[in-house]
């Protein structure tokens, strides 16, 4: 779906302080060229709603991507996660298998893991459970904000920029340098002075903004090609 009148795109990632956003002024008609980028504006807020409020205009022309699972099934596993893992090769561990909605209603990991086994026949990772608070916040925002959010995985975005999944982790110096270089080639410069503790999250948010630029231009890849839908009829798919 294209948003030809959009002049602003935003990528969001979770961070220790809450959420971080990278916003770009972009020309959707030239979304994949370096000229389509521009100075990246970085903002941080404890609340997703407060973070995004300045970015959203009444016409809804700002395109917002977020690195957080959106859409939960009643039973079974999301095909978007399985498909993304197949595409990512060496970076596949960065995609968590996301269990059904009822699992996230539990208040502890042991109870959630047991509920997951009841609904799917297997458990899920403690790392995925660590997303719970942010996942539920994003889910609530998506269902009530009146503005679409698009799920994006930054490693898929970086892989698309590079032509193949990246070998080095973002937690290493070479991995961060490579991601900076790929973003710079796409016209996205990370502001000088970005705190070291935040740099990995800012790099991911910038990659999500790159994907939001492609979404705005109708050029993004959708995984899976035929999306699933949750119990509220909302799409479950990852774009990049």
C-alpha atoms as a PDB file:
ATOM      1  CA  UNK A   1       0.000   0.000   0.000  1.00  0.00           C
ATOM      2  CA  UNK A   2       1.489   3.356  -0.979  1.00  0.00           C
ATOM      3  CA  UNK A   3       1.268   6.626   0.948  1.00  0.00           C
ATOM      4  CA  UNK A   4       2.270   8.950  -1.848  1.00  0.00           C
ATOM      5  CA  UNK A   5       1.506  12.139   0.088  1.00  0.00           C
ATOM      6  CA  UNK A   6       3.605  11.149   3.099  1.00  0.00           C
ATOM      7  CA  UNK A   7       6.616  13.337   3.816  1.00  0.00           C
ATOM      8  CA  UNK A   8       7.591  11.845   7.173  1.00  0.00           C
ATOM      9  CA  UNK A   9       8.401   8.329   8.297  1.00  0.00           C
ATOM     10  CA  UNK A  10       9.273   7.042  11.749  1.00  0.00           C
ATOM     11  CA  UNK A  11      10.960   3.886  13.014  1.00  0.00           C
ATOM     12  CA  UNK A  12      10.495   2.811  16.629  1.00  0.00           C
ATOM     13  CA  UNK A  13      12.423   0.372  18.817  1.00  0.00           C
ATOM     14  CA  UNK A  14      12.162  -0.543  22.485  1.00  0.00           C
ATOM     15  CA  UNK A  15      14.981   0.545  24.780  1.00  0.00           C
ATOM     16  CA  UNK A  16      15.759   0.531  28.485  1.00  0.00           C
ATOM     17  CA  UNK A  17      14.308   4.015  28.898  1.00  0.00           C
ATOM     18  CA  UNK A  18      11.095   3.004  27.142  1.00  0.00           C
ATOM     19  CA  UNK A  19      11.009   3.634  23.411  1.00  0.00           C
ATOM     20  CA  UNK A  20      13.282   5.345  20.897  1.00  0.00           C
ATOM     21  CA  UNK A  21      12.162   6.763  17.558  1.00  0.00           C
ATOM     22  CA  UNK A  22      14.104   7.807  14.478  1.00  0.00           C
ATOM     23  CA  UNK A  23      12.107  10.105  12.206  1.00  0.00           C
ATOM     24  CA  UNK A  24      12.985  11.142   8.673  1.00  0.00           C
ATOM     25  CA  UNK A  25      11.644  13.586   6.183  1.00  0.00           C
ATOM     26  CA  UNK A  26      11.343  11.531   3.019  1.00  0.00           C
ATOM     27  CA  UNK A  27      10.169  11.697  -0.550  1.00  0.00           C
ATOM     28  CA  UNK A  28       8.259   8.418  -1.078  1.00  0.00           C
ATOM     29  CA  UNK A  29       8.708   8.599  -4.824  1.00  0.00           C
ATOM     30  CA  UNK A  30      12.456   8.159  -4.270  1.00  0.00           C
ATOM     31  CA  UNK A  31      12.254   5.945  -1.219  1.00  0.00           C
ATOM     32  CA  UNK A  32      15.180   3.669  -1.992  1.00  0.00           C
ATOM     33  CA  UNK A  33      17.668   6.347  -3.003  1.00  0.00           C
ATOM     34  CA  UNK A  34      20.083   8.091  -0.685  1.00  0.00           C
ATOM     35  CA  UNK A  35      18.457  11.400  -1.612  1.00  0.00           C
ATOM     36  CA  UNK A  36      15.260  10.214   0.030  1.00  0.00           C
ATOM     37  CA  UNK A  37      16.810  10.335   3.468  1.00  0.00           C
ATOM     38  CA  UNK A  38      17.813  13.415   5.352  1.00  0.00           C
ATOM     39  CA  UNK A  39      18.757  14.267   8.903  1.00  0.00           C
ATOM     40  CA  UNK A  40      17.541  11.673  11.403  1.00  0.00           C
ATOM     41  CA  UNK A  41      15.665  13.050  14.411  1.00  0.00           C
ATOM     42  CA  UNK A  42      16.043  10.832  17.485  1.00  0.00           C
ATOM     43  CA  UNK A  43      13.572  10.994  20.383  1.00  0.00           C
ATOM     44  CA  UNK A  44      13.148   8.866  23.505  1.00  0.00           C
ATOM     45  CA  UNK A  45      10.132   8.510  25.803  1.00  0.00           C
ATOM     46  CA  UNK A  46       8.891   6.092  28.428  1.00  0.00           C
ATOM     47  CA  UNK A  47       5.467   5.923  26.737  1.00  0.00           C
ATOM     48  CA  UNK A  48       4.838   4.807  23.155  1.00  0.00           C
ATOM     49  CA  UNK A  49       1.817   7.101  22.888  1.00  0.00           C
ATOM     50  CA  UNK A  50       3.775  10.121  24.105  1.00  0.00           C
ATOM     51  CA  UNK A  51       6.690   9.266  21.829  1.00  0.00           C
ATOM     52  CA  UNK A  52       4.540   9.119  18.699  1.00  0.00           C
ATOM     53  CA  UNK A  53       2.094  11.943  19.440  1.00  0.00           C
ATOM     54  CA  UNK A  54       4.254  14.693  17.841  1.00  0.00           C
ATOM     55  CA  UNK A  55       4.776  12.566  14.713  1.00  0.00           C
ATOM     56  CA  UNK A  56       1.133  11.877  13.922  1.00  0.00           C
ATOM     57  CA  UNK A  57      -0.810  14.390  11.896  1.00  0.00           C
ATOM     58  CA  UNK A  58      -4.607  14.496  11.534  1.00  0.00           C
ATOM     59  CA  UNK A  59      -4.425  13.193   7.955  1.00  0.00           C
ATOM     60  CA  UNK A  60      -2.543  10.096   9.118  1.00  0.00           C
ATOM     61  CA  UNK A  61       0.136  10.527   6.474  1.00  0.00           C
ATOM     62  CA  UNK A  62       3.094   9.725   8.726  1.00  0.00           C
ATOM     63  CA  UNK A  63       4.111   6.093   8.283  1.00  0.00           C
ATOM     64  CA  UNK A  64       5.254   4.417  11.505  1.00  0.00           C
ATOM     65  CA  UNK A  65       7.152   1.136  11.686  1.00  0.00           C
ATOM     66  CA  UNK A  66       7.952  -0.596  14.962  1.00  0.00           C
ATOM     67  CA  UNK A  67      10.343  -3.357  15.960  1.00  0.00           C
ATOM     68  CA  UNK A  68       7.838  -5.224  18.105  1.00  0.00           C
ATOM     69  CA  UNK A  69       5.512  -8.146  17.347  1.00  0.00           C
ATOM     70  CA  UNK A  70       2.059  -6.894  16.339  1.00  0.00           C
ATOM     71  CA  UNK A  71      -0.886  -9.253  16.179  1.00  0.00           C
ATOM     72  CA  UNK A  72      -1.378 -12.331  18.376  1.00  0.00           C
ATOM     73  CA  UNK A  73      -3.107 -15.539  17.378  1.00  0.00           C
ATOM     74  CA  UNK A  74      -5.622 -17.406  19.518  1.00  0.00           C
ATOM     75  CA  UNK A  75      -3.745 -20.695  19.028  1.00  0.00           C
ATOM     76  CA  UNK A  76      -0.609 -21.788  17.219  1.00  0.00           C
ATOM     77  CA  UNK A  77       2.406 -19.840  16.055  1.00  0.00           C
ATOM     78  CA  UNK A  78       2.785 -16.784  13.851  1.00  0.00           C
ATOM     79  CA  UNK A  79       3.932 -17.650  10.333  1.00  0.00           C
ATOM     80  CA  UNK A  80       5.620 -14.228  10.111  1.00  0.00           C
ATOM     81  CA  UNK A  81       8.192 -15.293  12.690  1.00  0.00           C
ATOM     82  CA  UNK A  82       8.894 -18.640  11.014  1.00  0.00           C
ATOM     83  CA  UNK A  83       9.259 -16.994   7.606  1.00  0.00           C
ATOM     84  CA  UNK A  84      11.538 -14.251   8.954  1.00  0.00           C
ATOM     85  CA  UNK A  85      13.816 -16.816  10.603  1.00  0.00           C
ATOM     86  CA  UNK A  86      14.138 -18.672   7.300  1.00  0.00           C
ATOM     87  CA  UNK A  87      15.202 -15.463   5.567  1.00  0.00           C
ATOM     88  CA  UNK A  88      17.727 -14.361   8.178  1.00  0.00           C
ATOM     89  CA  UNK A  89      20.148 -17.296   8.257  1.00  0.00           C
ATOM     90  CA  UNK A  90      22.929 -16.310  10.687  1.00  0.00           C
ATOM     91  CA  UNK A  91      20.694 -13.694  12.312  1.00  0.00           C
ATOM     92  CA  UNK A  92      17.653 -15.991  12.744  1.00  0.00           C
ATOM     93  CA  UNK A  93      18.043 -16.082  16.537  1.00  0.00           C
ATOM     94  CA  UNK A  94      17.069 -12.393  16.597  1.00  0.00           C
ATOM     95  CA  UNK A  95      13.484 -13.406  15.740  1.00  0.00           C
ATOM     96  CA  UNK A  96      11.537 -14.843  18.666  1.00  0.00           C
ATOM     97  CA  UNK A  97       8.661 -17.276  18.245  1.00  0.00           C
ATOM     98  CA  UNK A  98       5.624 -15.374  19.542  1.00  0.00           C
ATOM     99  CA  UNK A  99       2.947 -17.515  21.258  1.00  0.00           C
ATOM    100  CA  UNK A 100      -0.835 -16.957  21.343  1.00  0.00           C
ATOM    101  CA  UNK A 101      -2.589 -14.024  23.020  1.00  0.00           C
ATOM    102  CA  UNK A 102      -3.705 -15.958  26.112  1.00  0.00           C
ATOM    103  CA  UNK A 103      -0.082 -16.691  27.008  1.00  0.00           C
ATOM    104  CA  UNK A 104       0.617 -12.981  27.492  1.00  0.00           C
ATOM    105  CA  UNK A 105      -2.245 -12.652  29.979  1.00  0.00           C
ATOM    106  CA  UNK A 106      -0.297 -14.762  32.488  1.00  0.00           C
ATOM    107  CA  UNK A 107       1.647 -12.906  35.171  1.00  0.00           C
ATOM    108  CA  UNK A 108       4.772 -15.088  35.348  1.00  0.00           C
ATOM    109  CA  UNK A 109       7.018 -16.866  32.869  1.00  0.00           C
ATOM    110  CA  UNK A 110       6.440 -20.366  34.336  1.00  0.00           C
ATOM    111  CA  UNK A 111       2.654 -19.922  34.090  1.00  0.00           C
ATOM    112  CA  UNK A 112       2.964 -18.439  30.594  1.00  0.00           C
ATOM    113  CA  UNK A 113       5.209 -21.259  29.444  1.00  0.00           C
ATOM    114  CA  UNK A 114       2.725 -23.843  30.735  1.00  0.00           C
ATOM    115  CA  UNK A 115      -0.149 -22.044  28.978  1.00  0.00           C
ATOM    116  CA  UNK A 116       1.909 -21.970  25.794  1.00  0.00           C
ATOM    117  CA  UNK A 117       2.428 -25.729  25.987  1.00  0.00           C
ATOM    118  CA  UNK A 118      -1.315 -26.219  26.405  1.00  0.00           C
ATOM    119  CA  UNK A 119      -2.084 -24.094  23.337  1.00  0.00           C
ATOM    120  CA  UNK A 120       0.775 -25.049  21.013  1.00  0.00           C
ATOM    121  CA  UNK A 121       2.304 -28.268  22.303  1.00  0.00           C
ATOM    122  CA  UNK A 122       5.610 -26.593  23.173  1.00  0.00           C
ATOM    123  CA  UNK A 123       7.047 -23.835  25.312  1.00  0.00           C
ATOM    124  CA  UNK A 124       8.648 -20.551  24.350  1.00  0.00           C
ATOM    125  CA  UNK A 125      11.777 -18.676  25.333  1.00  0.00           C
ATOM    126  CA  UNK A 126      12.340 -16.542  28.404  1.00  0.00           C
ATOM    127  CA  UNK A 127      13.826 -13.924  26.056  1.00  0.00           C
ATOM    128  CA  UNK A 128      10.500 -13.652  24.247  1.00  0.00           C
ATOM    129  CA  UNK A 129       8.706 -13.350  27.617  1.00  0.00           C
ATOM    130  CA  UNK A 130      10.972 -10.386  28.312  1.00  0.00           C
ATOM    131  CA  UNK A 131       9.091  -8.496  25.588  1.00  0.00           C
ATOM    132  CA  UNK A 132       5.787  -8.794  27.478  1.00  0.00           C
ATOM    133  CA  UNK A 133       5.351  -5.249  28.818  1.00  0.00           C
ATOM    134  CA  UNK A 134       6.411  -3.566  25.561  1.00  0.00           C
ATOM    135  CA  UNK A 135       4.508  -6.077  23.408  1.00  0.00           C
ATOM    136  CA  UNK A 136       1.271  -5.450  25.302  1.00  0.00           C
ATOM    137  CA  UNK A 137       1.810  -1.675  25.201  1.00  0.00           C
ATOM    138  CA  UNK A 138       2.295  -1.790  21.426  1.00  0.00           C
ATOM    139  CA  UNK A 139      -0.725  -4.079  21.054  1.00  0.00           C
ATOM    140  CA  UNK A 140      -2.911  -1.690  23.050  1.00  0.00           C
ATOM    141  CA  UNK A 141      -1.636   1.322  21.120  1.00  0.00           C
ATOM    142  CA  UNK A 142      -2.241  -0.364  17.787  1.00  0.00           C
ATOM    143  CA  UNK A 143      -5.833  -1.222  18.705  1.00  0.00           C
ATOM    144  CA  UNK A 144      -6.743   2.207  20.094  1.00  0.00           C
ATOM    145  CA  UNK A 145      -4.596   4.895  18.460  1.00  0.00           C
ATOM    146  CA  UNK A 146      -6.495   5.152  15.183  1.00  0.00           C
ATOM    147  CA  UNK A 147      -3.216   5.261  13.243  1.00  0.00           C
ATOM    148  CA  UNK A 148      -1.668   2.177  11.610  1.00  0.00           C
ATOM    149  CA  UNK A 149       1.534   0.661  12.912  1.00  0.00           C
ATOM    150  CA  UNK A 150       3.619  -1.645  10.740  1.00  0.00           C
ATOM    151  CA  UNK A 151       5.718  -4.420  12.254  1.00  0.00           C
ATOM    152  CA  UNK A 152       9.310  -4.319  11.014  1.00  0.00           C
ATOM    153  CA  UNK A 153      12.331  -6.425  11.922  1.00  0.00           C
ATOM    154  CA  UNK A 154      15.553  -4.393  11.628  1.00  0.00           C
ATOM    155  CA  UNK A 155      17.725  -7.402  10.745  1.00  0.00           C
ATOM    156  CA  UNK A 156      15.556  -8.020   7.680  1.00  0.00           C
ATOM    157  CA  UNK A 157      16.013  -4.354   6.770  1.00  0.00           C
ATOM    158  CA  UNK A 158      19.792  -4.468   7.186  1.00  0.00           C
ATOM    159  CA  UNK A 159      19.926  -7.696   5.194  1.00  0.00           C
ATOM    160  CA  UNK A 160      17.998  -6.028   2.382  1.00  0.00           C
ATOM    161  CA  UNK A 161      20.368  -3.048   2.421  1.00  0.00           C
ATOM    162  CA  UNK A 162      23.405  -5.331   2.279  1.00  0.00           C
ATOM    163  CA  UNK A 163      21.988  -7.899  -0.133  1.00  0.00           C
ATOM    164  CA  UNK A 164      22.333 -10.724   2.424  1.00  0.00           C
ATOM    165  CA  UNK A 165      21.855 -11.230   6.165  1.00  0.00           C
ATOM    166  CA  UNK A 166      24.653  -9.601   8.141  1.00  0.00           C
ATOM    167  CA  UNK A 167      27.245 -11.917   9.668  1.00  0.00           C
ATOM    168  CA  UNK A 168      28.265  -9.690  12.593  1.00  0.00           C
ATOM    169  CA  UNK A 169      25.984  -8.987  15.553  1.00  0.00           C
ATOM    170  CA  UNK A 170      24.962  -5.426  16.394  1.00  0.00           C
ATOM    171  CA  UNK A 171      26.493  -6.079  19.822  1.00  0.00           C
ATOM    172  CA  UNK A 172      30.000  -6.049  18.316  1.00  0.00           C
ATOM    173  CA  UNK A 173      32.012  -3.061  17.141  1.00  0.00           C
ATOM    174  CA  UNK A 174      32.300  -4.331  13.548  1.00  0.00           C
ATOM    175  CA  UNK A 175      28.571  -5.107  13.504  1.00  0.00           C
ATOM    176  CA  UNK A 176      27.640  -1.608  14.623  1.00  0.00           C
ATOM    177  CA  UNK A 177      30.081  -0.057  12.138  1.00  0.00           C
ATOM    178  CA  UNK A 178      28.589  -2.072   9.282  1.00  0.00           C
ATOM    179  CA  UNK A 179      25.071  -1.003  10.218  1.00  0.00           C
ATOM    180  CA  UNK A 180      26.105   2.651  10.382  1.00  0.00           C
ATOM    181  CA  UNK A 181      27.700   2.319   6.946  1.00  0.00           C
ATOM    182  CA  UNK A 182      24.609   0.728   5.421  1.00  0.00           C
ATOM    183  CA  UNK A 183      22.375   3.429   6.878  1.00  0.00           C
ATOM    184  CA  UNK A 184      24.700   6.175   5.632  1.00  0.00           C
ATOM    185  CA  UNK A 185      24.570   4.666   2.137  1.00  0.00           C
ATOM    186  CA  UNK A 186      20.776   4.906   2.395  1.00  0.00           C
ATOM    187  CA  UNK A 187      21.021   8.587   3.350  1.00  0.00           C
ATOM    188  CA  UNK A 188      20.399   8.088   7.069  1.00  0.00           C
ATOM    189  CA  UNK A 189      23.004   9.602   9.365  1.00  0.00           C
ATOM    190  CA  UNK A 190      22.939   8.713  13.065  1.00  0.00           C
ATOM    191  CA  UNK A 191      23.355  11.956  15.047  1.00  0.00           C
ATOM    192  CA  UNK A 192      26.738  12.551  16.622  1.00  0.00           C
ATOM    193  CA  UNK A 193      26.653  12.289  20.379  1.00  0.00           C
ATOM    194  CA  UNK A 194      24.151   9.437  20.516  1.00  0.00           C
ATOM    195  CA  UNK A 195      24.805   7.776  23.914  1.00  0.00           C
ATOM    196  CA  UNK A 196      26.741   4.523  23.650  1.00  0.00           C
ATOM    197  CA  UNK A 197      24.097   2.722  25.725  1.00  0.00           C
ATOM    198  CA  UNK A 198      21.464   3.713  23.169  1.00  0.00           C
ATOM    199  CA  UNK A 199      23.357   3.228  19.907  1.00  0.00           C
ATOM    200  CA  UNK A 200      22.165  -0.323  19.176  1.00  0.00           C
ATOM    201  CA  UNK A 201      18.542   0.698  19.665  1.00  0.00           C
ATOM    202  CA  UNK A 202      19.003   3.826  17.534  1.00  0.00           C
ATOM    203  CA  UNK A 203      20.569   1.793  14.730  1.00  0.00           C
ATOM    204  CA  UNK A 204      17.600  -0.592  14.832  1.00  0.00           C
ATOM    205  CA  UNK A 205      15.082   2.269  14.904  1.00  0.00           C
ATOM    206  CA  UNK A 206      16.843   3.838  11.916  1.00  0.00           C
ATOM    207  CA  UNK A 207      16.590   0.555   9.999  1.00  0.00           C
ATOM    208  CA  UNK A 208      12.886   0.468  10.845  1.00  0.00           C
ATOM    209  CA  UNK A 209      12.583   4.045   9.532  1.00  0.00           C
ATOM    210  CA  UNK A 210      14.288   2.900   6.315  1.00  0.00           C
ATOM    211  CA  UNK A 211      11.624   0.212   6.023  1.00  0.00           C
ATOM    212  CA  UNK A 212       8.866   2.716   6.809  1.00  0.00           C
ATOM    213  CA  UNK A 213      10.177   4.774   3.899  1.00  0.00           C
ATOM    214  CA  UNK A 214       9.730   1.712   1.654  1.00  0.00           C
ATOM    215  CA  UNK A 215       6.261   1.118   3.069  1.00  0.00           C
ATOM    216  CA  UNK A 216       5.352   4.723   2.284  1.00  0.00           C
ATOM    217  CA  UNK A 217       6.454   4.198  -1.327  1.00  0.00           C
ATOM    218  CA  UNK A 218       4.701   0.841  -1.708  1.00  0.00           C
ATOM    219  CA  UNK A 219       8.086  -0.875  -2.132  1.00  0.00           C
ATOM    220  CA  UNK A 220       8.318  -2.934   1.064  1.00  0.00           C
ATOM    221  CA  UNK A 221       8.504  -6.724   1.154  1.00  0.00           C
ATOM    222  CA  UNK A 222       5.784  -8.409   3.252  1.00  0.00           C
ATOM    223  CA  UNK A 223       6.548 -11.582   5.232  1.00  0.00           C
ATOM    224  CA  UNK A 224       4.695 -13.847   4.775  1.00  0.00           C
ATOM    225  CA  UNK A 225       3.380 -12.836   1.361  1.00  0.00           C
ATOM    226  CA  UNK A 226      -0.113 -13.875   2.488  1.00  0.00           C
ATOM    227  CA  UNK A 227      -0.506 -12.490   6.027  1.00  0.00           C
ATOM    228  CA  UNK A 228      -2.330 -14.100   8.915  1.00  0.00           C
ATOM    229  CA  UNK A 229      -4.933 -12.131  10.911  1.00  0.00           C
ATOM    230  CA  UNK A 230      -5.552 -11.963  14.626  1.00  0.00           C
ATOM    231  CA  UNK A 231      -8.864 -12.324  16.442  1.00  0.00           C
ATOM    232  CA  UNK A 232      -9.626  -8.627  15.901  1.00  0.00           C
ATOM    233  CA  UNK A 233      -9.003  -8.887  12.166  1.00  0.00           C
ATOM    234  CA  UNK A 234      -5.663  -7.088  12.325  1.00  0.00           C
ATOM    235  CA  UNK A 235      -2.898  -8.209  10.001  1.00  0.00           C
ATOM    236  CA  UNK A 236       0.048 -10.260  11.266  1.00  0.00           C
ATOM    237  CA  UNK A 237       2.999  -9.639   8.956  1.00  0.00           C
ATOM    238  CA  UNK A 238       6.518  -8.222   9.018  1.00  0.00           C
ATOM    239  CA  UNK A 239       7.619  -5.651   6.457  1.00  0.00           C
ATOM    240  CA  UNK A 240      11.047  -4.452   5.414  1.00  0.00           C
END
